[in-house]
ModelCIF file with pLDDT and N, C-alpha, C, O atoms, coordinates in Angstrom:
data_MODEL
#
_entry.id   MODEL 
#
_entity.id                         1 
_entity.type                       polymer 
_entity.pdbx_number_of_molecules   1 
#
_entity_poly.entity_id                      1 
_entity_poly.type                           'polypeptide(L)' 
_entity_poly.nstd_linkage                   no 
_entity_poly.nstd_monomer                   no 
_entity_poly.pdbx_seq_one_letter_code       QFGACWSLSKKGYQQFLEDGSANRGWDLNQPQYEARSVKKIPTGAKP 
_entity_poly.pdbx_seq_one_letter_code_can   QFGACWSLSKKGYQQFLEDGSANRGWDLNQPQYEARSVKKIPTGAKP 
_entity_poly.pdbx_strand_id                 A 
#
loop_
_entity_poly_seq.entity_id 
_entity_poly_seq.num 
_entity_poly_seq.mon_id 
_entity_poly_seq.hetero 
1 1  GLN n 
1 2  PHE n 
1 3  GLY n 
1 4  ALA n 
1 5  CYS n 
1 6  TRP n 
1 7  SER n 
1 8  LEU n 
1 9  SER n 
1 10 LYS n 
1 11 LYS n 
1 12 GLY n 
1 13 TYR n 
1 14 GLN n 
1 15 GLN n 
1 16 PHE n 
1 17 LEU n 
1 18 GLU n 
1 19 ASP n 
1 20 GLY n 
1 21 SER n 
1 22 ALA n 
1 23 ASN n 
1 24 ARG n 
1 25 GLY n 
1 26 TRP n 
1 27 ASP n 
1 28 LEU n 
1 29 ASN n 
1 30 GLN n 
1 31 PRO n 
1 32 GLN n 
1 33 TYR n 
1 34 GLU n 
1 35 ALA n 
1 36 ARG n 
1 37 SER n 
1 38 VAL n 
1 39 LYS n 
1 40 LYS n 
1 41 ILE n 
1 42 PRO n 
1 43 THR n 
1 44 GLY n 
1 45 ALA n 
1 46 LYS n 
1 47 PRO n 
#
_struct_asym.id          A 
_struct_asym.entity_id   1 
#
loop_
_ma_qa_metric.id 
_ma_qa_metric.mode 
_ma_qa_metric.name 
_ma_qa_metric.software_group_id 
_ma_qa_metric.type 
1 global pLDDT . pLDDT 
2 local  pLDDT . pLDDT 
#
_ma_qa_metric_global.metric_id      1 
_ma_qa_metric_global.metric_value   89.70 
_ma_qa_metric_global.model_id       1 
_ma_qa_metric_global.ordinal_id     1 
#
loop_
_ma_qa_metric_local.label_asym_id 
_ma_qa_metric_local.label_comp_id 
_ma_qa_metric_local.label_seq_id 
_ma_qa_metric_local.metric_id 
_ma_qa_metric_local.metric_value 
_ma_qa_metric_local.model_id 
_ma_qa_metric_local.ordinal_id 
A GLN 1  2 89.00 1 1  
A PHE 2  2 89.00 1 2  
A GLY 3  2 88.00 1 3  
A ALA 4  2 90.00 1 4  
A CYS 5  2 92.00 1 5  
A TRP 6  2 94.00 1 6  
A SER 7  2 95.00 1 7  
A LEU 8  2 94.00 1 8  
A SER 9  2 93.00 1 9  
A LYS 10 2 94.00 1 10 
A LYS 11 2 94.00 1 11 
A GLY 12 2 94.00 1 12 
A TYR 13 2 94.00 1 13 
A GLN 14 2 95.00 1 14 
A GLN 15 2 94.00 1 15 
A PHE 16 2 94.00 1 16 
A LEU 17 2 94.00 1 17 
A GLU 18 2 95.00 1 18 
A ASP 19 2 94.00 1 19 
A GLY 20 2 92.00 1 20 
A SER 21 2 92.00 1 21 
A ALA 22 2 91.00 1 22 
A ASN 23 2 87.00 1 23 
A ARG 24 2 83.00 1 24 
A GLY 25 2 71.00 1 25 
A TRP 26 2 72.00 1 26 
A ASP 27 2 82.00 1 27 
A LEU 28 2 87.00 1 28 
A ASN 29 2 83.00 1 29 
A GLN 30 2 86.00 1 30 
A PRO 31 2 87.00 1 31 
A GLN 32 2 88.00 1 32 
A TYR 33 2 90.00 1 33 
A GLU 34 2 88.00 1 34 
A ALA 35 2 92.00 1 35 
A ARG 36 2 93.00 1 36 
A SER 37 2 93.00 1 37 
A VAL 38 2 94.00 1 38 
A LYS 39 2 92.00 1 39 
A LYS 40 2 89.00 1 40 
A ILE 41 2 88.00 1 41 
A PRO 42 2 89.00 1 42 
A THR 43 2 89.00 1 43 
A GLY 44 2 86.00 1 44 
A ALA 45 2 88.00 1 45 
A LYS 46 2 88.00 1 46 
A PRO 47 2 90.00 1 47 
#
loop_
_atom_site.group_PDB 
_atom_site.id 
_atom_site.type_symbol 
_atom_site.label_atom_id 
_atom_site.label_alt_id 
_atom_site.label_comp_id 
_atom_site.label_asym_id 
_atom_site.label_entity_id 
_atom_site.label_seq_id 
_atom_site.pdbx_PDB_ins_code 
_atom_site.Cartn_x 
_atom_site.Cartn_y 
_atom_site.Cartn_z 
_atom_site.occupancy 
_atom_site.B_iso_or_equiv 
_atom_site.pdbx_formal_charge 
_atom_site.auth_seq_id 
_atom_site.auth_comp_id 
_atom_site.auth_asym_id 
_atom_site.auth_atom_id 
_atom_site.pdbx_PDB_model_num 
ATOM 1   N N  . GLN A 1 1  ? 6.699  2.526   3.360   1.00 89.00 ? 1  GLN A N  1 
ATOM 2   C CA . GLN A 1 1  ? 7.629  1.478   2.955   1.00 89.00 ? 1  GLN A CA 1 
ATOM 3   C C  . GLN A 1 1  ? 8.912  2.118   2.443   1.00 89.00 ? 1  GLN A C  1 
ATOM 4   O O  . GLN A 1 1  ? 8.890  2.890   1.485   1.00 89.00 ? 1  GLN A O  1 
ATOM 5   N N  . PHE A 1 2  ? 10.020 1.795   3.080   1.00 89.00 ? 2  PHE A N  1 
ATOM 6   C CA . PHE A 1 2  ? 11.335 2.314   2.697   1.00 89.00 ? 2  PHE A CA 1 
ATOM 7   C C  . PHE A 1 2  ? 11.340 3.831   2.581   1.00 89.00 ? 2  PHE A C  1 
ATOM 8   O O  . PHE A 1 2  ? 11.939 4.384   1.659   1.00 89.00 ? 2  PHE A O  1 
ATOM 9   N N  . GLY A 1 3  ? 10.676 4.502   3.510   1.00 88.00 ? 3  GLY A N  1 
ATOM 10  C CA . GLY A 1 3  ? 10.658 5.958   3.544   1.00 88.00 ? 3  GLY A CA 1 
ATOM 11  C C  . GLY A 1 3  ? 9.616  6.620   2.672   1.00 88.00 ? 3  GLY A C  1 
ATOM 12  O O  . GLY A 1 3  ? 9.425  7.833   2.761   1.00 88.00 ? 3  GLY A O  1 
ATOM 13  N N  . ALA A 1 4  ? 8.941  5.864   1.837   1.00 90.00 ? 4  ALA A N  1 
ATOM 14  C CA . ALA A 1 4  ? 7.895  6.416   0.969   1.00 90.00 ? 4  ALA A CA 1 
ATOM 15  C C  . ALA A 1 4  ? 6.525  6.164   1.591   1.00 90.00 ? 4  ALA A C  1 
ATOM 16  O O  . ALA A 1 4  ? 6.327  5.189   2.315   1.00 90.00 ? 4  ALA A O  1 
ATOM 17  N N  . CYS A 1 5  ? 5.589  7.053   1.299   1.00 92.00 ? 5  CYS A N  1 
ATOM 18  C CA . CYS A 1 5  ? 4.223  6.916   1.800   1.00 92.00 ? 5  CYS A CA 1 
ATOM 19  C C  . CYS A 1 5  ? 3.291  6.619   0.624   1.00 92.00 ? 5  CYS A C  1 
ATOM 20  O O  . CYS A 1 5  ? 3.408  7.219   -0.445  1.00 92.00 ? 5  CYS A O  1 
ATOM 21  N N  . TRP A 1 6  ? 2.377  5.695   0.838   1.00 94.00 ? 6  TRP A N  1 
ATOM 22  C CA . TRP A 1 6  ? 1.463  5.250   -0.202  1.00 94.00 ? 6  TRP A CA 1 
ATOM 23  C C  . TRP A 1 6  ? 0.026  5.276   0.299   1.00 94.00 ? 6  TRP A C  1 
ATOM 24  O O  . TRP A 1 6  ? -0.241 5.058   1.481   1.00 94.00 ? 6  TRP A O  1 
ATOM 25  N N  . SER A 1 7  ? -0.879 5.544   -0.608  1.00 95.00 ? 7  SER A N  1 
ATOM 26  C CA . SER A 1 7  ? -2.312 5.518   -0.349  1.00 95.00 ? 7  SER A CA 1 
ATOM 27  C C  . SER A 1 7  ? -2.916 4.425   -1.225  1.00 95.00 ? 7  SER A C  1 
ATOM 28  O O  . SER A 1 7  ? -2.664 4.375   -2.429  1.00 95.00 ? 7  SER A O  1 
ATOM 29  N N  . LEU A 1 8  ? -3.714 3.552   -0.614  1.00 94.00 ? 8  LEU A N  1 
ATOM 30  C CA . LEU A 1 8  ? -4.314 2.440   -1.341  1.00 94.00 ? 8  LEU A CA 1 
ATOM 31  C C  . LEU A 1 8  ? -5.825 2.419   -1.153  1.00 94.00 ? 8  LEU A C  1 
ATOM 32  O O  . LEU A 1 8  ? -6.344 2.847   -0.122  1.00 94.00 ? 8  LEU A O  1 
ATOM 33  N N  . SER A 1 9  ? -6.516 1.917   -2.161  1.00 93.00 ? 9  SER A N  1 
ATOM 34  C CA . SER A 1 9  ? -7.949 1.688   -2.041  1.00 93.00 ? 9  SER A CA 1 
ATOM 35  C C  . SER A 1 9  ? -8.155 0.490   -1.115  1.00 93.00 ? 9  SER A C  1 
ATOM 36  O O  . SER A 1 9  ? -7.201 -0.216  -0.790  1.00 93.00 ? 9  SER A O  1 
ATOM 37  N N  . LYS A 1 10 ? -9.384 0.264   -0.697  1.00 94.00 ? 10 LYS A N  1 
ATOM 38  C CA . LYS A 1 10 ? -9.685 -0.883  0.159   1.00 94.00 ? 10 LYS A CA 1 
ATOM 39  C C  . LYS A 1 10 ? -9.305 -2.187  -0.539  1.00 94.00 ? 10 LYS A C  1 
ATOM 40  O O  . LYS A 1 10 ? -8.691 -3.066  0.068   1.00 94.00 ? 10 LYS A O  1 
ATOM 41  N N  . LYS A 1 11 ? -9.668 -2.309  -1.803  1.00 94.00 ? 11 LYS A N  1 
ATOM 42  C CA . LYS A 1 11 ? -9.361 -3.503  -2.587  1.00 94.00 ? 11 LYS A CA 1 
ATOM 43  C C  . LYS A 1 11 ? -7.847 -3.692  -2.726  1.00 94.00 ? 11 LYS A C  1 
ATOM 44  O O  . LYS A 1 11 ? -7.336 -4.797  -2.542  1.00 94.00 ? 11 LYS A O  1 
ATOM 45  N N  . GLY A 1 12 ? -7.143 -2.619  -3.048  1.00 94.00 ? 12 GLY A N  1 
ATOM 46  C CA . GLY A 1 12 ? -5.694 -2.696  -3.203  1.00 94.00 ? 12 GLY A CA 1 
ATOM 47  C C  . GLY A 1 12 ? -4.989 -3.026  -1.907  1.00 94.00 ? 12 GLY A C  1 
ATOM 48  O O  . GLY A 1 12 ? -4.021 -3.786  -1.894  1.00 94.00 ? 12 GLY A O  1 
ATOM 49  N N  . TYR A 1 13 ? -5.477 -2.451  -0.805  1.00 94.00 ? 13 TYR A N  1 
ATOM 50  C CA . TYR A 1 13 ? -4.886 -2.712  0.511   1.00 94.00 ? 13 TYR A CA 1 
ATOM 51  C C  . TYR A 1 13 ? -5.059 -4.181  0.891   1.00 94.00 ? 13 TYR A C  1 
ATOM 52  O O  . TYR A 1 13 ? -4.121 -4.820  1.366   1.00 94.00 ? 13 TYR A O  1 
ATOM 53  N N  . GLN A 1 14 ? -6.255 -4.707  0.682   1.00 95.00 ? 14 GLN A N  1 
ATOM 54  C CA . GLN A 1 14 ? -6.499 -6.109  0.997   1.00 95.00 ? 14 GLN A CA 1 
ATOM 55  C C  . GLN A 1 14 ? -5.606 -7.012  0.153   1.00 95.00 ? 14 GLN A C  1 
ATOM 56  O O  . GLN A 1 14 ? -5.034 -7.969  0.674   1.00 95.00 ? 14 GLN A O  1 
ATOM 57  N N  . GLN A 1 15 ? -5.476 -6.724  -1.143  1.00 94.00 ? 15 GLN A N  1 
ATOM 58  C CA . GLN A 1 15 ? -4.619 -7.520  -2.022  1.00 94.00 ? 15 GLN A CA 1 
ATOM 59  C C  . GLN A 1 15 ? -3.161 -7.449  -1.567  1.00 94.00 ? 15 GLN A C  1 
ATOM 60  O O  . GLN A 1 15 ? -2.459 -8.461  -1.573  1.00 94.00 ? 15 GLN A O  1 
ATOM 61  N N  . PHE A 1 16 ? -2.707 -6.263  -1.175  1.00 94.00 ? 16 PHE A N  1 
ATOM 62  C CA . PHE A 1 16 ? -1.342 -6.077  -0.682  1.00 94.00 ? 16 PHE A CA 1 
ATOM 63  C C  . PHE A 1 16 ? -1.087 -6.935  0.560   1.00 94.00 ? 16 PHE A C  1 
ATOM 64  O O  . PHE A 1 16 ? -0.047 -7.586  0.663   1.00 94.00 ? 16 PHE A O  1 
ATOM 65  N N  . LEU A 1 17 ? -2.030 -6.934  1.494   1.00 94.00 ? 17 LEU A N  1 
ATOM 66  C CA . LEU A 1 17 ? -1.877 -7.734  2.711   1.00 94.00 ? 17 LEU A CA 1 
ATOM 67  C C  . LEU A 1 17 ? -1.929 -9.232  2.403   1.00 94.00 ? 17 LEU A C  1 
ATOM 68  O O  . LEU A 1 17 ? -1.170 -10.008 2.984   1.00 94.00 ? 17 LEU A O  1 
ATOM 69  N N  . GLU A 1 18 ? -2.810 -9.638  1.502   1.00 95.00 ? 18 GLU A N  1 
ATOM 70  C CA . GLU A 1 18 ? -2.886 -11.052 1.124   1.00 95.00 ? 18 GLU A CA 1 
ATOM 71  C C  . GLU A 1 18 ? -1.590 -11.510 0.473   1.00 95.00 ? 18 GLU A C  1 
ATOM 72  O O  . GLU A 1 18 ? -1.090 -12.592 0.782   1.00 95.00 ? 18 GLU A O  1 
ATOM 73  N N  . ASP A 1 19 ? -1.045 -10.705 -0.418  1.00 94.00 ? 19 ASP A N  1 
ATOM 74  C CA . ASP A 1 19 ? 0.216  -11.059 -1.074  1.00 94.00 ? 19 ASP A CA 1 
ATOM 75  C C  . ASP A 1 19 ? 1.356  -11.115 -0.064  1.00 94.00 ? 19 ASP A C  1 
ATOM 76  O O  . ASP A 1 19 ? 2.187  -12.021 -0.118  1.00 94.00 ? 19 ASP A O  1 
ATOM 77  N N  . GLY A 1 20 ? 1.400  -10.170 0.841   1.00 92.00 ? 20 GLY A N  1 
ATOM 78  C CA . GLY A 1 20 ? 2.449  -10.160 1.858   1.00 92.00 ? 20 GLY A CA 1 
ATOM 79  C C  . GLY A 1 20 ? 2.370  -11.368 2.773   1.00 92.00 ? 20 GLY A C  1 
ATOM 80  O O  . GLY A 1 20 ? 3.397  -11.949 3.123   1.00 92.00 ? 20 GLY A O  1 
ATOM 81  N N  . SER A 1 21 ? 1.163  -11.750 3.163   1.00 92.00 ? 21 SER A N  1 
ATOM 82  C CA . SER A 1 21 ? 1.015  -12.891 4.068   1.00 92.00 ? 21 SER A CA 1 
ATOM 83  C C  . SER A 1 21 ? 1.348  -14.207 3.372   1.00 92.00 ? 21 SER A C  1 
ATOM 84  O O  . SER A 1 21 ? 1.667  -15.194 4.035   1.00 92.00 ? 21 SER A O  1 
ATOM 85  N N  . ALA A 1 22 ? 1.277  -14.231 2.051   1.00 91.00 ? 22 ALA A N  1 
ATOM 86  C CA . ALA A 1 22 ? 1.620  -15.433 1.278   1.00 91.00 ? 22 ALA A CA 1 
ATOM 87  C C  . ALA A 1 22 ? 3.039  -15.366 0.715   1.00 91.00 ? 22 ALA A C  1 
ATOM 88  O O  . ALA A 1 22 ? 3.424  -16.212 -0.092  1.00 91.00 ? 22 ALA A O  1 
ATOM 89  N N  . ASN A 1 23 ? 3.820  -14.367 1.134   1.00 87.00 ? 23 ASN A N  1 
ATOM 90  C CA . ASN A 1 23 ? 5.190  -14.175 0.652   1.00 87.00 ? 23 ASN A CA 1 
ATOM 91  C C  . ASN A 1 23 ? 5.268  -14.056 -0.867  1.00 87.00 ? 23 ASN A C  1 
ATOM 92  O O  . ASN A 1 23 ? 6.183  -14.590 -1.494  1.00 87.00 ? 23 ASN A O  1 
ATOM 93  N N  . ARG A 1 24 ? 4.298  -13.349 -1.453  1.00 83.00 ? 24 ARG A N  1 
ATOM 94  C CA . ARG A 1 24 ? 4.301  -13.166 -2.910  1.00 83.00 ? 24 ARG A CA 1 
ATOM 95  C C  . ARG A 1 24 ? 4.889  -11.818 -3.313  1.00 83.00 ? 24 ARG A C  1 
ATOM 96  O O  . ARG A 1 24 ? 4.723  -11.383 -4.452  1.00 83.00 ? 24 ARG A O  1 
ATOM 97  N N  . GLY A 1 25 ? 5.555  -11.177 -2.411  1.00 71.00 ? 25 GLY A N  1 
ATOM 98  C CA . GLY A 1 25 ? 6.172  -9.891  -2.741  1.00 71.00 ? 25 GLY A CA 1 
ATOM 99  C C  . GLY A 1 25 ? 5.355  -8.728  -2.241  1.00 71.00 ? 25 GLY A C  1 
ATOM 100 O O  . GLY A 1 25 ? 4.160  -8.849  -1.971  1.00 71.00 ? 25 GLY A O  1 
ATOM 101 N N  . TRP A 1 26 ? 6.027  -7.590  -2.123  1.00 72.00 ? 26 TRP A N  1 
ATOM 102 C CA . TRP A 1 26 ? 5.391  -6.450  -1.480  1.00 72.00 ? 26 TRP A CA 1 
ATOM 103 C C  . TRP A 1 26 ? 5.719  -5.148  -2.189  1.00 72.00 ? 26 TRP A C  1 
ATOM 104 O O  . TRP A 1 26 ? 5.851  -4.114  -1.535  1.00 72.00 ? 26 TRP A O  1 
ATOM 105 N N  . ASP A 1 27 ? 5.851  -5.171  -3.482  1.00 82.00 ? 27 ASP A N  1 
ATOM 106 C CA . ASP A 1 27 ? 6.205  -3.966  -4.225  1.00 82.00 ? 27 ASP A CA 1 
ATOM 107 C C  . ASP A 1 27 ? 4.948  -3.145  -4.506  1.00 82.00 ? 27 ASP A C  1 
ATOM 108 O O  . ASP A 1 27 ? 4.096  -3.551  -5.297  1.00 82.00 ? 27 ASP A O  1 
ATOM 109 N N  . LEU A 1 28 ? 4.842  -2.002  -3.862  1.00 87.00 ? 28 LEU A N  1 
ATOM 110 C CA . LEU A 1 28 ? 3.649  -1.164  -4.012  1.00 87.00 ? 28 LEU A CA 1 
ATOM 111 C C  . LEU A 1 28 ? 3.536  -0.502  -5.373  1.00 87.00 ? 28 LEU A C  1 
ATOM 112 O O  . LEU A 1 28 ? 2.512  0.112   -5.672  1.00 87.00 ? 28 LEU A O  1 
ATOM 113 N N  . ASN A 1 29 ? 4.555  -0.610  -6.198  1.00 83.00 ? 29 ASN A N  1 
ATOM 114 C CA . ASN A 1 29 ? 4.483  -0.063  -7.553  1.00 83.00 ? 29 ASN A CA 1 
ATOM 115 C C  . ASN A 1 29 ? 3.697  -0.962  -8.500  1.00 83.00 ? 29 ASN A C  1 
ATOM 116 O O  . ASN A 1 29 ? 3.471  -0.591  -9.652  1.00 83.00 ? 29 ASN A O  1 
ATOM 117 N N  . GLN A 1 30 ? 3.284  -2.120  -8.042  1.00 86.00 ? 30 GLN A N  1 
ATOM 118 C CA . GLN A 1 30 ? 2.543  -3.048  -8.900  1.00 86.00 ? 30 GLN A CA 1 
ATOM 119 C C  . GLN A 1 30 ? 1.120  -2.522  -9.133  1.00 86.00 ? 30 GLN A C  1 
ATOM 120 O O  . GLN A 1 30 ? 0.486  -2.034  -8.198  1.00 86.00 ? 30 GLN A O  1 
ATOM 121 N N  . PRO A 1 31 ? 0.616  -2.617  -10.362 1.00 87.00 ? 31 PRO A N  1 
ATOM 122 C CA . PRO A 1 31 ? -0.690 -2.037  -10.690 1.00 87.00 ? 31 PRO A CA 1 
ATOM 123 C C  . PRO A 1 31 ? -1.866 -2.648  -9.937  1.00 87.00 ? 31 PRO A C  1 
ATOM 124 O O  . PRO A 1 31 ? -2.875 -1.970  -9.741  1.00 87.00 ? 31 PRO A O  1 
ATOM 125 N N  . GLN A 1 32 ? -1.771 -3.905  -9.511  1.00 88.00 ? 32 GLN A N  1 
ATOM 126 C CA . GLN A 1 32 ? -2.907 -4.525  -8.831  1.00 88.00 ? 32 GLN A CA 1 
ATOM 127 C C  . GLN A 1 32 ? -3.237 -3.862  -7.487  1.00 88.00 ? 32 GLN A C  1 
ATOM 128 O O  . GLN A 1 32 ? -4.340 -4.036  -6.969  1.00 88.00 ? 32 GLN A O  1 
ATOM 129 N N  . TYR A 1 33 ? -2.297 -3.108  -6.925  1.00 90.00 ? 33 TYR A N  1 
ATOM 130 C CA . TYR A 1 33 ? -2.543 -2.456  -5.639  1.00 90.00 ? 33 TYR A CA 1 
ATOM 131 C C  . TYR A 1 33 ? -3.183 -1.078  -5.785  1.00 90.00 ? 33 TYR A C  1 
ATOM 132 O O  . TYR A 1 33 ? -3.672 -0.519  -4.803  1.00 90.00 ? 33 TYR A O  1 
ATOM 133 N N  . GLU A 1 34 ? -3.187 -0.535  -6.971  1.00 88.00 ? 34 GLU A N  1 
ATOM 134 C CA . GLU A 1 34 ? -3.778 0.782   -7.218  1.00 88.00 ? 34 GLU A CA 1 
ATOM 135 C C  . GLU A 1 34 ? -3.263 1.806   -6.198  1.00 88.00 ? 34 GLU A C  1 
ATOM 136 O O  . GLU A 1 34 ? -4.021 2.635   -5.694  1.00 88.00 ? 34 GLU A O  1 
ATOM 137 N N  . ALA A 1 35 ? -1.964 1.730   -5.909  1.00 92.00 ? 35 ALA A N  1 
ATOM 138 C CA . ALA A 1 35 ? -1.348 2.597   -4.903  1.00 92.00 ? 35 ALA A CA 1 
ATOM 139 C C  . ALA A 1 35 ? -0.904 3.915   -5.522  1.00 92.00 ? 35 ALA A C  1 
ATOM 140 O O  . ALA A 1 35 ? -0.443 3.971   -6.662  1.00 92.00 ? 35 ALA A O  1 
ATOM 141 N N  . ARG A 1 36 ? -1.059 4.975   -4.732  1.00 93.00 ? 36 ARG A N  1 
ATOM 142 C CA . ARG A 1 36 ? -0.596 6.294   -5.152  1.00 93.00 ? 36 ARG A CA 1 
ATOM 143 C C  . ARG A 1 36 ? 0.415  6.789   -4.125  1.00 93.00 ? 36 ARG A C  1 
ATOM 144 O O  . ARG A 1 36 ? 0.200  6.684   -2.918  1.00 93.00 ? 36 ARG A O  1 
ATOM 145 N N  . SER A 1 37 ? 1.497  7.317   -4.618  1.00 93.00 ? 37 SER A N  1 
ATOM 146 C CA . SER A 1 37 ? 2.495  7.915   -3.740  1.00 93.00 ? 37 SER A CA 1 
ATOM 147 C C  . SER A 1 37 ? 1.929  9.215   -3.171  1.00 93.00 ? 37 SER A C  1 
ATOM 148 O O  . SER A 1 37 ? 1.343  10.014  -3.902  1.00 93.00 ? 37 SER A O  1 
ATOM 149 N N  . VAL A 1 38 ? 2.105  9.421   -1.872  1.00 94.00 ? 38 VAL A N  1 
ATOM 150 C CA . VAL A 1 38 ? 1.623  10.645  -1.236  1.00 94.00 ? 38 VAL A CA 1 
ATOM 151 C C  . VAL A 1 38 ? 2.762  11.284  -0.456  1.00 94.00 ? 38 VAL A C  1 
ATOM 152 O O  . VAL A 1 38 ? 3.630  10.596  0.080   1.00 94.00 ? 38 VAL A O  1 
ATOM 153 N N  . LYS A 1 39 ? 2.744  12.595  -0.404  1.00 92.00 ? 39 LYS A N  1 
ATOM 154 C CA . LYS A 1 39 ? 3.781  13.313  0.345   1.00 92.00 ? 39 LYS A CA 1 
ATOM 155 C C  . LYS A 1 39 ? 3.441  13.429  1.820   1.00 92.00 ? 39 LYS A C  1 
ATOM 156 O O  . LYS A 1 39 ? 4.331  13.466  2.670   1.00 92.00 ? 39 LYS A O  1 
ATOM 157 N N  . LYS A 1 40 ? 2.146  13.486  2.121   1.00 89.00 ? 40 LYS A N  1 
ATOM 158 C CA . LYS A 1 40 ? 1.725  13.676  3.508   1.00 89.00 ? 40 LYS A CA 1 
ATOM 159 C C  . LYS A 1 40 ? 0.525  12.787  3.810   1.00 89.00 ? 40 LYS A C  1 
ATOM 160 O O  . LYS A 1 40 ? -0.447 12.748  3.056   1.00 89.00 ? 40 LYS A O  1 
ATOM 161 N N  . ILE A 1 41 ? 0.615  12.083  4.915   1.00 88.00 ? 41 ILE A N  1 
ATOM 162 C CA . ILE A 1 41 ? -0.484 11.224  5.348   1.00 88.00 ? 41 ILE A CA 1 
ATOM 163 C C  . ILE A 1 41 ? -1.450 12.076  6.174   1.00 88.00 ? 41 ILE A C  1 
ATOM 164 O O  . ILE A 1 41 ? -1.012 12.823  7.048   1.00 88.00 ? 41 ILE A O  1 
ATOM 165 N N  . PRO A 1 42 ? -2.741 11.976  5.914   1.00 89.00 ? 42 PRO A N  1 
ATOM 166 C CA . PRO A 1 42 ? -3.720 12.805  6.628   1.00 89.00 ? 42 PRO A CA 1 
ATOM 167 C C  . PRO A 1 42 ? -3.683 12.597  8.143   1.00 89.00 ? 42 PRO A C  1 
ATOM 168 O O  . PRO A 1 42 ? -3.398 11.503  8.630   1.00 89.00 ? 42 PRO A O  1 
ATOM 169 N N  . THR A 1 43 ? -3.975 13.655  8.861   1.00 89.00 ? 43 THR A N  1 
ATOM 170 C CA . THR A 1 43 ? -4.082 13.586  10.313  1.00 89.00 ? 43 THR A CA 1 
ATOM 171 C C  . THR A 1 43 ? -5.188 12.604  10.665  1.00 89.00 ? 43 THR A C  1 
ATOM 172 O O  . THR A 1 43 ? -6.258 12.625  10.055  1.00 89.00 ? 43 THR A O  1 
ATOM 173 N N  . GLY A 1 44 ? -4.943 11.770  11.619  1.00 86.00 ? 44 GLY A N  1 
ATOM 174 C CA . GLY A 1 44 ? -5.943 10.792  12.044  1.00 86.00 ? 44 GLY A CA 1 
ATOM 175 C C  . GLY A 1 44 ? -5.803 9.443   11.358  1.00 86.00 ? 44 GLY A C  1 
ATOM 176 O O  . GLY A 1 44 ? -6.379 8.457   11.818  1.00 86.00 ? 44 GLY A O  1 
ATOM 177 N N  . ALA A 1 45 ? -5.052 9.379   10.272  1.00 88.00 ? 45 ALA A N  1 
ATOM 178 C CA . ALA A 1 45 ? -4.822 8.100   9.595   1.00 88.00 ? 45 ALA A CA 1 
ATOM 179 C C  . ALA A 1 45 ? -3.883 7.257   10.454  1.00 88.00 ? 45 ALA A C  1 
ATOM 180 O O  . ALA A 1 45 ? -3.055 7.794   11.190  1.00 88.00 ? 45 ALA A O  1 
ATOM 181 N N  . LYS A 1 46 ? -4.014 5.946   10.358  1.00 88.00 ? 46 LYS A N  1 
ATOM 182 C CA . LYS A 1 46 ? -3.157 5.040   11.115  1.00 88.00 ? 46 LYS A CA 1 
ATOM 183 C C  . LYS A 1 46 ? -2.349 4.190   10.140  1.00 88.00 ? 46 LYS A C  1 
ATOM 184 O O  . LYS A 1 46 ? -2.633 3.004   9.972   1.00 88.00 ? 46 LYS A O  1 
ATOM 185 N N  . PRO A 1 47 ? -1.342 4.784   9.494   1.00 90.00 ? 47 PRO A N  1 
ATOM 186 C CA . PRO A 1 47 ? -0.568 4.021   8.513   1.00 90.00 ? 47 PRO A CA 1 
ATOM 187 C C  . PRO A 1 47 ? 0.213  2.892   9.166   1.00 90.00 ? 47 PRO A C  1 
ATOM 188 O O  . PRO A 1 47 ? 0.918  2.152   8.479   1.00 90.00 ? 47 PRO A O  1 
#
C-alpha cells in the first residue's frame, strides 16, 4: 500500500478486507489489523 509492504495475521487480513469492502477505511496502521511493516516479502507469497 502506497509503496510500503505489510504482513498481517489471518484475522487481521480478514478484518482489513471486510473494512475495505464496506468503505470503512484502509489504514494498515490501525491496531485491529495487527499489521507489521516488512522490508521484503517472502518468495512465493502472493501479496
